Amino acid sequence: MVMSNLKCSVDTCHHWGSGNHCTADGIEVNNQVSSAQTSDDTICKTFKPQS
């Protein structure tokens, strides 16, 4: 399944698909700090290294 509206350029992730499409069924993004103000303050918990 391709989440057509979700782009990701992390080509080392198991869920990365050609054209920078994420193939995960869903994503989880959490704060890296108590109150995120920028994308740098967040982290994708869905990331899984390619095997």
PDB file of N, CA and C in Angstrom:
ATOM      1  N   MET A   1       0.843  -1.176   0.000  1.00  0.00           N
ATOM      2  CA  MET A   1       0.000   0.000   0.000  1.00  0.00           C
ATOM      3  C   MET A   1       0.893   1.245   0.000  1.00  0.00           C
ATOM      4  N   VAL A   2       0.609   2.191  -0.849  1.00  0.00           N
ATOM      5  CA  VAL A   2       1.348   3.450  -0.905  1.00  0.00           C
ATOM      6  C   VAL A   2       0.440   4.555  -0.375  1.00  0.00           C
ATOM      7  N   MET A   3       0.952   5.306   0.581  1.00  0.00           N
ATOM      8  CA  MET A   3       0.234   6.476   1.074  1.00  0.00           C
ATOM      9  C   MET A   3       0.590   7.614   0.128  1.00  0.00           C
ATOM     10  N   SER A   4      -0.181   7.830  -0.888  1.00  0.00           N
ATOM     11  CA  SER A   4       0.183   8.730  -1.976  1.00  0.00           C
ATOM     12  C   SER A   4       0.419  10.173  -1.542  1.00  0.00           C
ATOM     13  N   ASN A   5      -0.149  10.586  -0.443  1.00  0.00           N
ATOM     14  CA  ASN A   5       0.042  11.958   0.023  1.00  0.00           C
ATOM     15  C   ASN A   5       1.208  12.102   0.980  1.00  0.00           C
ATOM     16  N   LEU A   6       1.879  11.005   1.316  1.00  0.00           N
ATOM     17  CA  LEU A   6       2.976  11.054   2.261  1.00  0.00           C
ATOM     18  C   LEU A   6       4.289  10.825   1.541  1.00  0.00           C
ATOM     19  N   LYS A   7       5.113  11.851   1.490  1.00  0.00           N
ATOM     20  CA  LYS A   7       6.420  11.768   0.841  1.00  0.00           C
ATOM     21  C   LYS A   7       7.496  11.593   1.900  1.00  0.00           C
ATOM     22  N   CYS A   8       8.514  10.839   1.580  1.00  0.00           N
ATOM     23  CA  CYS A   8       9.637  10.617   2.488  1.00  0.00           C
ATOM     24  C   CYS A   8      10.891  10.401   1.654  1.00  0.00           C
ATOM     25  N   SER A   9      11.964  11.099   1.996  1.00  0.00           N
ATOM     26  CA  SER A   9      13.206  10.961   1.235  1.00  0.00           C
ATOM     27  C   SER A   9      14.255  10.133   1.976  1.00  0.00           C
ATOM     28  N   VAL A  10      13.860   9.443   3.058  1.00  0.00           N
ATOM     29  CA  VAL A  10      14.796   8.623   3.832  1.00  0.00           C
ATOM     30  C   VAL A  10      14.910   7.255   3.153  1.00  0.00           C
ATOM     31  N   ASP A  11      15.799   7.178   2.162  1.00  0.00           N
ATOM     32  CA  ASP A  11      15.890   5.961   1.351  1.00  0.00           C
ATOM     33  C   ASP A  11      16.538   4.778   2.070  1.00  0.00           C
ATOM     34  N   THR A  12      16.936   4.958   3.317  1.00  0.00           N
ATOM     35  CA  THR A  12      17.464   3.842   4.111  1.00  0.00           C
ATOM     36  C   THR A  12      16.377   3.200   4.966  1.00  0.00           C
ATOM     37  N   CYS A  13      15.145   3.677   4.855  1.00  0.00           N
ATOM     38  CA  CYS A  13      14.024   3.139   5.626  1.00  0.00           C
ATOM     39  C   CYS A  13      13.369   1.983   4.880  1.00  0.00           C
ATOM     40  N   HIS A  14      12.953   0.975   5.625  1.00  0.00           N
ATOM     41  CA  HIS A  14      12.264  -0.193   5.070  1.00  0.00           C
ATOM     42  C   HIS A  14      10.993   0.211   4.311  1.00  0.00           C
ATOM     43  N   HIS A  15      10.328   1.257   4.747  1.00  0.00           N
ATOM     44  CA  HIS A  15       9.053   1.690   4.162  1.00  0.00           C
ATOM     45  C   HIS A  15       9.206   2.655   2.993  1.00  0.00           C
ATOM     46  N   TRP A  16      10.456   2.959   2.598  1.00  0.00           N
ATOM     47  CA  TRP A  16      10.685   3.904   1.511  1.00  0.00           C
ATOM     48  C   TRP A  16      10.394   3.232   0.175  1.00  0.00           C
ATOM     49  N   GLY A  17       9.660   3.919  -0.687  1.00  0.00           N
ATOM     50  CA  GLY A  17       9.360   3.422  -2.023  1.00  0.00           C
ATOM     51  C   GLY A  17       9.845   4.401  -3.073  1.00  0.00           C
ATOM     52  N   SER A  18       9.996   3.926  -4.289  1.00  0.00           N
ATOM     53  CA  SER A  18      10.485   4.782  -5.368  1.00  0.00           C
ATOM     54  C   SER A  18       9.608   6.020  -5.507  1.00  0.00           C
ATOM     55  N   GLY A  19      10.221   7.089  -5.936  1.00  0.00           N
ATOM     56  CA  GLY A  19       9.508   8.363  -6.047  1.00  0.00           C
ATOM     57  C   GLY A  19       9.315   9.028  -4.695  1.00  0.00           C
ATOM     58  N   ASN A  20      10.068   8.578  -3.691  1.00  0.00           N
ATOM     59  CA  ASN A  20       9.974   9.105  -2.324  1.00  0.00           C
ATOM     60  C   ASN A  20       8.594   8.919  -1.710  1.00  0.00           C
ATOM     61  N   HIS A  21       7.954   7.779  -1.991  1.00  0.00           N
ATOM     62  CA  HIS A  21       6.662   7.455  -1.391  1.00  0.00           C
ATOM     63  C   HIS A  21       6.859   6.542  -0.195  1.00  0.00           C
ATOM     64  N   CYS A  22       6.100   6.782   0.867  1.00  0.00           N
ATOM     65  CA  CYS A  22       6.139   5.938   2.050  1.00  0.00           C
ATOM     66  C   CYS A  22       5.168   4.780   1.851  1.00  0.00           C
ATOM     67  N   THR A  23       5.636   3.554   2.072  1.00  0.00           N
ATOM     68  CA  THR A  23       4.792   2.376   1.880  1.00  0.00           C
ATOM     69  C   THR A  23       4.257   1.819   3.203  1.00  0.00           C
ATOM     70  N   ALA A  24       4.486   2.513   4.325  1.00  0.00           N
ATOM     71  CA  ALA A  24       3.968   2.075   5.628  1.00  0.00           C
ATOM     72  C   ALA A  24       2.445   2.212   5.654  1.00  0.00           C
ATOM     73  N   ASP A  25       1.796   1.354   6.425  1.00  0.00           N
ATOM     74  CA  ASP A  25       0.338   1.432   6.580  1.00  0.00           C
ATOM     75  C   ASP A  25      -0.087   2.677   7.343  1.00  0.00           C
ATOM     76  N   GLY A  26       0.797   3.200   8.157  1.00  0.00           N
ATOM     77  CA  GLY A  26       0.545   4.401   8.943  1.00  0.00           C
ATOM     78  C   GLY A  26       1.877   4.898   9.467  1.00  0.00           C
ATOM     79  N   ILE A  27       1.898   6.081  10.039  1.00  0.00           N
ATOM     80  CA  ILE A  27       3.138   6.621  10.596  1.00  0.00           C
ATOM     81  C   ILE A  27       2.900   7.097  12.022  1.00  0.00           C
ATOM     82  N   GLU A  28       3.980   7.152  12.791  1.00  0.00           N
ATOM     83  CA  GLU A  28       3.941   7.712  14.131  1.00  0.00           C
ATOM     84  C   GLU A  28       5.081   8.710  14.248  1.00  0.00           C
ATOM     85  N   VAL A  29       4.744   9.935  14.583  1.00  0.00           N
ATOM     86  CA  VAL A  29       5.738  10.992  14.756  1.00  0.00           C
ATOM     87  C   VAL A  29       5.595  11.532  16.168  1.00  0.00           C
ATOM     88  N   ASN A  30       6.715  11.602  16.877  1.00  0.00           N
ATOM     89  CA  ASN A  30       6.711  12.075  18.259  1.00  0.00           C
ATOM     90  C   ASN A  30       7.610  13.293  18.417  1.00  0.00           C
ATOM     91  N   ASN A  31       7.444  13.988  19.550  1.00  0.00           N
ATOM     92  CA  ASN A  31       8.313  15.114  19.902  1.00  0.00           C
ATOM     93  C   ASN A  31       9.673  14.599  20.347  1.00  0.00           C
ATOM     94  N   GLN A  32      10.726  15.332  19.999  1.00  0.00           N
ATOM     95  CA  GLN A  32      12.046  15.101  20.576  1.00  0.00           C
ATOM     96  C   GLN A  32      12.264  16.020  21.775  1.00  0.00           C
ATOM     97  N   VAL A  33      11.474  17.079  21.846  1.00  0.00           N
ATOM     98  CA  VAL A  33      11.517  18.040  22.953  1.00  0.00           C
ATOM     99  C   VAL A  33      10.102  18.164  23.511  1.00  0.00           C
ATOM    100  N   SER A  34       9.955  18.829  24.633  1.00  0.00           N
ATOM    101  CA  SER A  34       8.630  18.883  25.274  1.00  0.00           C
ATOM    102  C   SER A  34       7.582  19.613  24.437  1.00  0.00           C
ATOM    103  N   SER A  35       7.977  20.595  23.663  1.00  0.00           N
ATOM    104  CA  SER A  35       7.023  21.350  22.853  1.00  0.00           C
ATOM    105  C   SER A  35       7.639  21.642  21.489  1.00  0.00           C
ATOM    106  N   ALA A  36       7.297  20.839  20.493  1.00  0.00           N
ATOM    107  CA  ALA A  36       7.881  20.980  19.154  1.00  0.00           C
ATOM    108  C   ALA A  36       7.492  22.317  18.530  1.00  0.00           C
ATOM    109  N   GLN A  37       8.487  22.997  17.979  1.00  0.00           N
ATOM    110  CA  GLN A  37       8.272  24.268  17.291  1.00  0.00           C
ATOM    111  C   GLN A  37       8.655  24.181  15.812  1.00  0.00           C
ATOM    112  N   THR A  38       9.548  23.231  15.474  1.00  0.00           N
ATOM    113  CA  THR A  38       9.986  23.037  14.094  1.00  0.00           C
ATOM    114  C   THR A  38      10.061  21.541  13.813  1.00  0.00           C
ATOM    115  N   SER A  39      10.222  21.171  12.558  1.00  0.00           N
ATOM    116  CA  SER A  39      10.330  19.751  12.201  1.00  0.00           C
ATOM    117  C   SER A  39      11.558  19.105  12.846  1.00  0.00           C
ATOM    118  N   ASP A  40      12.600  19.897  13.122  1.00  0.00           N
ATOM    119  CA  ASP A  40      13.784  19.372  13.801  1.00  0.00           C
ATOM    120  C   ASP A  40      13.474  18.912  15.225  1.00  0.00           C
ATOM    121  N   ASP A  41      12.354  19.365  15.774  1.00  0.00           N
ATOM    122  CA  ASP A  41      11.960  18.996  17.130  1.00  0.00           C
ATOM    123  C   ASP A  41      11.139  17.707  17.171  1.00  0.00           C
ATOM    124  N   THR A  42      10.983  17.055  16.026  1.00  0.00           N
ATOM    125  CA  THR A  42      10.183  15.830  15.941  1.00  0.00           C
ATOM    126  C   THR A  42      11.037  14.659  15.481  1.00  0.00           C
ATOM    127  N   ILE A  43      10.483  13.457  15.627  1.00  0.00           N
ATOM    128  CA  ILE A  43      11.190  12.240  15.213  1.00  0.00           C
ATOM    129  C   ILE A  43      10.160  11.226  14.708  1.00  0.00           C
ATOM    130  N   CYS A  44      10.476  10.576  13.612  1.00  0.00           N
ATOM    131  CA  CYS A  44       9.588   9.565  13.043  1.00  0.00           C
ATOM    132  C   CYS A  44       9.836   8.227  13.732  1.00  0.00           C
ATOM    133  N   LYS A  45       8.858   7.733  14.479  1.00  0.00           N
ATOM    134  CA  LYS A  45       8.992   6.459  15.186  1.00  0.00           C
ATOM    135  C   LYS A  45       8.702   5.278  14.266  1.00  0.00           C
ATOM    136  N   THR A  46       8.215   5.528  13.055  1.00  0.00           N
ATOM    137  CA  THR A  46       7.906   4.461  12.102  1.00  0.00           C
ATOM    138  C   THR A  46       9.165   3.954  11.399  1.00  0.00           C
ATOM    139  N   PHE A  47      10.244   4.734  11.441  1.00  0.00           N
ATOM    140  CA  PHE A  47      11.480   4.355  10.746  1.00  0.00           C
ATOM    141  C   PHE A  47      11.927   2.963  11.161  1.00  0.00           C
ATOM    142  N   LYS A  48      12.241   2.160  10.150  1.00  0.00           N
ATOM    143  CA  LYS A  48      12.791   0.814  10.366  1.00  0.00           C
ATOM    144  C   LYS A  48      13.872   0.626   9.311  1.00  0.00           C
ATOM    145  N   PRO A  49      15.093   0.285   9.707  1.00  0.00           N
ATOM    146  CA  PRO A  49      16.161   0.134   8.717  1.00  0.00           C
ATOM    147  C   PRO A  49      15.818  -0.936   7.674  1.00  0.00           C
ATOM    148  N   GLN A  50      16.300  -0.726   6.466  1.00  0.00           N
ATOM    149  CA  GLN A  50      16.123  -1.751   5.430  1.00  0.00           C
ATOM    150  C   GLN A  50      16.905  -2.986   5.830  1.00  0.00           C
ATOM    151  N   SER A  51      16.369  -4.144   5.501  1.00  0.00           N
ATOM    152  CA  SER A  51      17.095  -5.376   5.853  1.00  0.00           C
ATOM    153  C   SER A  51      17.883  -5.900   4.698  1.00  0.00           C
TER     154      SER A  51
END
